[in-house]
Protein backbone atom coordinates (compact mmCIF):
# COMPACT_ATOMS: atom_id res chain seq x y z
CA MET A 1 87.96 27.71 -64.42
CA SER A 2 86.56 30.39 -66.09
CA SER A 3 88.70 33.92 -66.58
CA LYS A 4 85.37 35.97 -66.70
CA GLU A 5 85.09 38.54 -63.92
CA SER A 6 82.20 40.53 -62.66
CA ALA A 7 81.15 44.19 -63.80
CA TYR A 8 83.71 45.40 -61.54
CA GLU A 9 86.30 47.36 -63.84
CA PRO A 10 89.52 47.91 -62.16
CA GLY A 11 90.56 51.79 -62.57
CA ALA A 12 86.89 52.68 -63.66
CA ALA A 13 85.44 54.05 -60.47
CA TYR A 14 88.32 53.18 -58.31
CA GLU A 15 91.68 51.64 -58.34
CA PHE A 16 92.69 48.35 -56.87
CA GLU A 17 96.49 48.52 -56.33
CA GLY A 18 97.21 44.86 -56.50
CA GLU A 19 94.79 43.86 -59.14
CA THR A 20 97.42 42.84 -61.72
CA GLN A 21 99.47 40.78 -59.16
CA ALA A 22 95.90 39.30 -58.28
CA LEU A 23 95.41 38.25 -61.70
CA ALA A 24 98.61 36.45 -62.17
CA LEU A 25 98.08 34.82 -58.92
CA LYS A 26 94.68 33.28 -59.93
CA LYS A 27 96.36 32.29 -63.33
CA THR A 28 98.96 30.47 -61.11
CA GLY A 29 96.16 28.80 -59.32
CA ASN A 30 93.93 28.18 -62.42
CA GLU A 31 97.05 26.26 -63.63
CA HIS A 32 97.56 24.21 -60.28
CA PHE A 33 93.97 23.55 -60.47
CA MET A 34 93.98 21.97 -64.15
CA ALA A 35 96.92 19.97 -63.15
CA LYS A 36 95.11 18.30 -60.05
CA ARG A 37 97.30 20.10 -57.64
CA PHE A 38 94.41 21.23 -55.56
CA LYS A 39 96.24 22.22 -52.42
CA GLN A 40 98.72 24.24 -54.25
CA ALA A 41 95.93 26.04 -56.05
CA ILE A 42 94.13 26.63 -52.61
CA MET A 43 97.46 28.37 -51.43
CA ALA A 44 97.59 31.09 -54.56
CA TYR A 45 93.96 31.66 -54.24
CA THR A 46 94.24 32.15 -50.56
CA MET A 47 97.11 34.75 -51.26
CA ILE A 48 94.69 36.98 -53.10
CA VAL A 49 91.63 36.28 -50.51
CA ASP A 50 93.96 37.08 -47.43
CA ARG A 51 95.14 40.09 -48.65
CA LYS A 52 93.89 43.73 -47.28
CA GLU A 53 90.41 45.16 -48.88
CA GLY A 54 91.50 47.05 -52.00
CA PHE A 55 94.25 44.83 -53.04
CA ALA A 56 91.95 43.28 -55.92
CA SER A 57 88.53 44.14 -57.06
CA PRO A 58 85.37 42.30 -55.26
CA GLY A 59 84.41 40.41 -58.26
CA LEU A 60 87.79 39.00 -58.56
CA VAL A 61 87.99 37.85 -55.15
CA ALA A 62 84.37 36.12 -55.51
CA THR A 63 85.64 34.12 -58.32
CA VAL A 64 88.94 33.42 -56.44
CA LYS A 65 86.53 32.04 -53.64
CA CYS A 66 84.68 30.14 -55.95
CA ASN A 67 87.49 28.60 -57.44
CA ARG A 68 88.91 27.79 -54.09
CA ALA A 69 85.54 26.29 -52.90
CA GLU A 70 85.68 23.93 -55.90
CA CYS A 71 89.50 22.85 -54.88
CA TYR A 72 87.97 22.26 -51.40
CA ILE A 73 85.41 19.97 -52.79
CA GLN A 74 87.91 17.95 -54.55
CA ILE A 75 89.82 17.20 -51.50
CA ARG A 76 86.60 16.79 -49.77
CA SER A 77 87.13 19.75 -47.14
CA TYR A 78 83.40 20.26 -47.55
CA LYS A 79 83.14 22.52 -44.69
CA ALA A 80 85.75 24.88 -45.97
CA ALA A 81 83.93 25.04 -49.38
CA ILE A 82 80.33 25.95 -47.82
CA LYS A 83 82.23 29.05 -45.89
CA ASP A 84 83.56 30.32 -49.31
CA CYS A 85 80.66 29.91 -51.22
CA LYS A 86 78.56 31.48 -48.40
CA ASP A 87 81.27 34.19 -48.04
CA VAL A 88 80.57 34.94 -51.68
CA ILE A 89 76.64 35.08 -51.83
CA GLU A 90 76.58 37.12 -48.77
CA GLN A 91 79.08 39.44 -50.13
CA PHE A 92 76.79 40.51 -53.02
CA SER A 93 73.64 40.53 -50.62
CA ARG A 94 75.40 42.94 -48.68
CA SER A 95 76.38 45.21 -51.60
CA SER A 96 74.31 46.99 -54.39
CA ALA A 97 76.25 45.35 -57.13
CA SER A 98 74.57 42.74 -58.77
CA MET A 99 76.47 39.13 -58.75
CA ASP A 100 78.10 38.03 -62.21
CA GLU A 101 75.94 34.97 -63.67
CA SER A 102 79.06 32.61 -63.95
CA VAL A 103 79.93 33.81 -60.25
CA ALA A 104 76.22 33.17 -58.84
CA ARG A 105 76.16 29.99 -60.74
CA LYS A 106 79.46 28.86 -59.27
CA ALA A 107 78.47 29.92 -55.77
CA HIS A 108 75.30 28.26 -55.48
CA SER A 109 75.68 25.01 -57.03
CA ARG A 110 79.35 24.45 -55.34
CA LEU A 111 77.29 25.17 -52.17
CA ALA A 112 74.75 22.55 -52.87
CA ARG A 113 77.31 20.28 -53.95
CA SER A 114 79.14 20.59 -50.56
CA TYR A 115 76.01 19.98 -48.45
CA MET A 116 75.13 17.02 -50.41
CA ASN A 117 78.57 15.57 -49.89
CA SER A 118 78.14 16.70 -46.05
CA GLY A 119 74.85 14.71 -45.96
CA LYS A 120 72.63 18.13 -45.68
CA LEU A 121 70.22 17.03 -48.22
CA ASP A 122 67.71 19.88 -47.26
CA GLU A 123 70.21 22.52 -47.20
CA ALA A 124 71.32 21.34 -50.63
CA VAL A 125 67.89 21.30 -52.15
CA GLY A 126 67.44 25.16 -50.55
CA ALA A 127 70.69 26.27 -52.24
CA MET A 128 69.62 25.02 -55.79
CA ARG A 129 66.11 26.37 -55.54
CA LYS A 130 68.00 29.77 -54.78
CA LEU A 131 69.80 29.46 -57.61
CA ARG A 132 66.82 28.77 -59.76
CA GLU A 133 64.90 31.65 -58.23
CA LEU A 134 67.99 33.82 -59.27
CA MET A 135 68.46 32.18 -62.70
CA SER A 136 65.08 31.51 -63.85
CA GLU A 137 66.00 28.06 -65.22
CA PHE A 138 68.95 25.44 -64.55
CA ASN A 139 71.65 24.65 -67.12
CA GLU A 140 72.21 21.31 -68.04
CA ALA A 141 74.71 20.68 -65.31
CA GLU A 142 72.60 22.40 -62.81
CA ARG A 143 69.51 20.24 -63.68
CA LYS A 144 71.74 17.07 -63.23
CA LEU A 145 73.04 18.11 -60.01
CA TYR A 146 69.48 19.00 -58.66
CA ASP A 147 68.20 15.69 -59.89
CA ASN A 148 71.00 14.09 -58.09
CA VAL A 149 70.02 15.88 -54.76
CA LEU A 150 66.48 15.03 -54.89
CA ALA A 151 67.57 11.19 -55.70
CA GLU A 152 69.47 11.54 -52.68
CA GLN A 153 67.01 12.88 -50.61
CA ALA A 154 64.40 10.33 -51.72
CA SER A 155 66.86 7.64 -50.97
CA LYS A 156 67.53 8.94 -47.73
CA GLU A 157 64.10 9.11 -46.82
CA THR A 158 63.28 5.84 -48.07
CA GLU A 159 66.14 4.25 -45.99
CA LEU A 160 65.04 6.18 -42.99
CA ARG A 161 61.32 4.77 -43.15
CA ALA A 162 62.66 1.28 -43.65
CA ARG A 163 64.59 1.51 -40.60
CA SER A 164 61.51 2.74 -38.77
CA ILE A 165 59.55 -0.17 -39.94
CA SER A 166 62.34 -2.42 -39.13
CA ALA A 167 62.60 -1.25 -35.39
CA GLN A 168 58.86 -1.40 -35.21
CA GLN A 169 58.96 -5.25 -36.50
CA GLN A 170 61.43 -6.40 -33.98
CA MET A 171 59.57 -4.61 -31.36
CA SER A 172 56.44 -6.44 -32.56
CA ASN A 173 58.18 -10.00 -32.51
CA ARG A 174 59.36 -9.43 -29.00
CA PRO A 175 57.16 -11.43 -26.47
CA ASN A 176 54.99 -9.58 -24.17
CA VAL A 177 55.48 -6.12 -26.14
CA HIS A 178 52.49 -4.46 -27.45
CA VAL A 179 53.78 -1.82 -30.29
CA ILE A 180 51.50 1.33 -30.52
CA ARG A 181 51.85 2.88 -33.87
CA ASP A 182 51.30 6.49 -33.88
CA THR A 183 50.68 6.88 -37.73
CA ARG A 184 48.90 4.94 -40.62
CA PRO A 185 49.77 4.28 -44.12
CA ILE A 186 47.54 6.07 -46.68
CA GLU A 187 47.89 6.70 -50.04
CA TYR A 188 48.55 10.14 -51.40
CA ILE A 189 47.22 10.28 -55.25
CA VAL A 190 48.06 13.54 -57.32
CA GLN A 191 45.85 13.74 -60.36
CA ILE A 192 47.48 16.04 -62.96
CA LEU A 193 44.45 17.99 -65.07
CA GLY A 194 45.21 17.87 -68.60
CA ASN A 195 48.82 16.55 -69.55
CA SER A 196 47.09 12.98 -70.49
CA GLY A 197 45.47 12.81 -67.04
CA GLU A 198 48.54 11.57 -65.41
CA SER A 199 48.21 10.35 -61.98
CA ILE A 200 50.76 9.75 -59.06
CA THR A 201 50.57 7.71 -56.23
CA TYR A 202 52.75 7.92 -53.26
CA ILE A 203 52.48 5.92 -49.97
CA GLU A 204 52.69 8.20 -46.91
CA GLU A 205 52.29 7.99 -43.19
CA ALA A 206 49.38 10.08 -41.47
CA PRO A 207 49.23 10.70 -37.84
CA ILE A 208 46.28 8.22 -35.98
CA SER A 209 44.85 11.59 -34.65
CA LEU A 210 43.58 12.11 -38.30
CA PHE A 211 41.43 8.91 -37.81
CA GLN A 212 40.14 10.04 -34.43
CA ARG A 213 37.28 12.79 -35.22
CA PRO A 214 40.12 15.43 -36.27
CA THR A 215 39.41 19.34 -36.75
CA GLN A 216 39.07 20.54 -40.21
CA PHE A 217 42.33 22.50 -39.29
CA GLN A 218 44.20 19.52 -38.63
CA VAL A 219 43.18 17.83 -41.93
CA LYS A 220 43.92 20.87 -43.93
CA GLN A 221 47.54 21.36 -42.29
CA PHE A 222 48.21 17.81 -43.10
CA MET A 223 47.09 17.83 -46.71
CA THR A 224 48.95 21.10 -47.22
CA SER A 225 52.29 19.63 -45.78
CA LEU A 226 51.88 16.55 -48.46
CA ALA A 227 51.31 19.06 -51.40
CA MET A 228 54.11 21.33 -50.37
CA LYS A 229 56.47 18.02 -49.82
CA HIS A 230 55.53 16.56 -53.36
CA ARG A 231 55.17 19.98 -55.40
CA ASP A 232 58.83 20.47 -56.33
CA GLU A 233 59.31 16.82 -57.57
CA ILE A 234 56.13 16.55 -59.59
CA LEU A 235 57.07 20.08 -61.42
CA ASN A 236 60.74 19.34 -61.90
CA GLN A 237 60.97 15.61 -62.79
CA ARG A 238 58.52 15.88 -65.71
CA VAL A 239 57.58 18.52 -68.45
CA LEU A 240 54.01 19.65 -67.80
CA GLN A 241 52.27 22.16 -70.01
CA CYS A 242 49.97 25.01 -69.02
CA THR A 243 46.26 23.51 -68.75
CA ASN A 244 45.04 27.16 -70.00
CA CYS A 245 47.46 27.81 -72.82
CA SER A 246 49.69 24.89 -73.35
CA ALA A 247 53.01 26.71 -72.67
CA VAL A 248 55.37 25.17 -70.34
CA ALA A 249 54.26 25.33 -66.75
CA VAL A 250 56.35 26.74 -64.07
CA SER A 251 53.97 26.05 -61.17
CA MET A 252 50.38 24.40 -60.41
CA THR A 253 47.37 25.01 -58.32
CA GLN A 254 46.91 22.03 -55.76
CA THR A 255 43.67 21.06 -54.56
CA PRO A 256 43.65 18.45 -52.05
CA ALA A 257 40.49 16.39 -50.66
CA SER A 258 40.32 13.84 -47.88
CA TYR A 259 38.82 10.56 -47.98
CA LEU A 260 40.63 9.18 -44.71
CA ASP A 261 37.40 7.92 -43.54
CA GLN A 262 37.44 5.39 -46.16
CA GLU A 263 39.22 2.37 -47.14
CA PRO A 264 41.64 2.34 -47.98
CA PRO A 265 42.31 5.89 -46.58
CA ARG A 266 43.61 8.53 -49.15
CA ILE A 267 44.49 11.91 -50.03
CA VAL A 268 43.21 12.89 -53.34
CA GLU A 269 44.97 16.04 -55.01
CA PHE A 270 43.90 17.64 -58.18
CA ALA A 271 46.89 19.51 -59.72
CA GLN A 272 46.33 21.91 -62.59
CA PRO A 273 49.69 23.31 -63.84
CA TYR A 274 50.15 26.81 -65.46
CA CYS A 275 52.76 29.20 -66.66
CA SER A 276 51.71 32.24 -65.14
CA LEU A 277 49.72 34.06 -62.58
CA SER A 278 47.23 35.20 -65.36
CA CYS A 279 46.83 31.84 -66.43
CA ALA A 280 46.70 30.73 -62.72
CA ARG A 281 43.77 32.76 -62.16
CA GLU A 282 41.92 31.36 -65.02
CA ALA A 283 42.75 27.76 -63.64
CA THR A 284 41.68 28.73 -60.54
CA ASN A 285 38.21 29.89 -61.49
CA LEU A 286 37.81 26.92 -63.71
CA GLN A 287 39.01 24.53 -60.72
CA HIS A 288 36.47 26.19 -58.53
CA GLU A 289 33.85 25.19 -60.66
CA GLU A 290 34.87 21.92 -61.67
CA LEU A 291 35.59 21.00 -57.97
CA GLY A 292 32.32 22.38 -56.34
CA GLY A 293 34.27 25.39 -54.61
CA ARG A 294 36.78 23.29 -52.55
CA GLN A 295 39.59 25.59 -50.85
CA HIS A 296 43.02 25.08 -53.14
CA ILE A 297 46.47 25.74 -52.55
CA VAL A 298 48.05 28.25 -55.22
CA ASN A 299 52.03 28.01 -55.92
CA ALA A 300 53.07 30.91 -57.48
């Protein structure tokens, strides 16, 4: 547990009558935590949180709530941990004070861990993405956590897909039962321009309607959904270089093209990594020339 507090300075702009007592209680809670006496630590932290407004500085209360959230995680009370983390985040979103970096990292990463352990993987990914927006980049522990969340999410999707296929197979094996599939497997191929010409292939399910005289809007909407689905995974699980200046890329332009009328049916996306909006504009112009003016998706 860090002893670093937020930018609030007790006694500077206003007095907090119980600041000294609150710091002593926090120290007691930290000692219980280090000794793995998590319930006793929660009690000490709660004695600070539950006091009237003005007893301790908002920065200290935020730190204590983050500490209490970690205790709740340790005893698997994830709902309580989620509440504490969200309270801290909302506290600073409602005020003009900026959140201390240490508190921000704790609140968002512990919120993500609580969501992940609760099986709410989409929410966990959202919490980590918000943290990255605030901090620009992850530290080592946060990167590992984000990778774990993405791996859990991919595993869950694979499991759900396997269950769906198994259910369809069971139905098809029943006598006098005709199964009508509403999707069809396709290849989704991402060709990363530059970066040694890396290519990534995914197997996705496309609605049958896309093979039955679809409108351009329907095809474009489906291609956009695939681009958005895999964008963060492509960017975050490898180090890509900007194709314009060779710096580390932070986003990319995405230009998908449909070949659903061919065998095997597939979507081919041309991804061009970039490091800044100025490089993105140059990449967009180059990509427009190279790919014959196809419409592209730019992720800033």
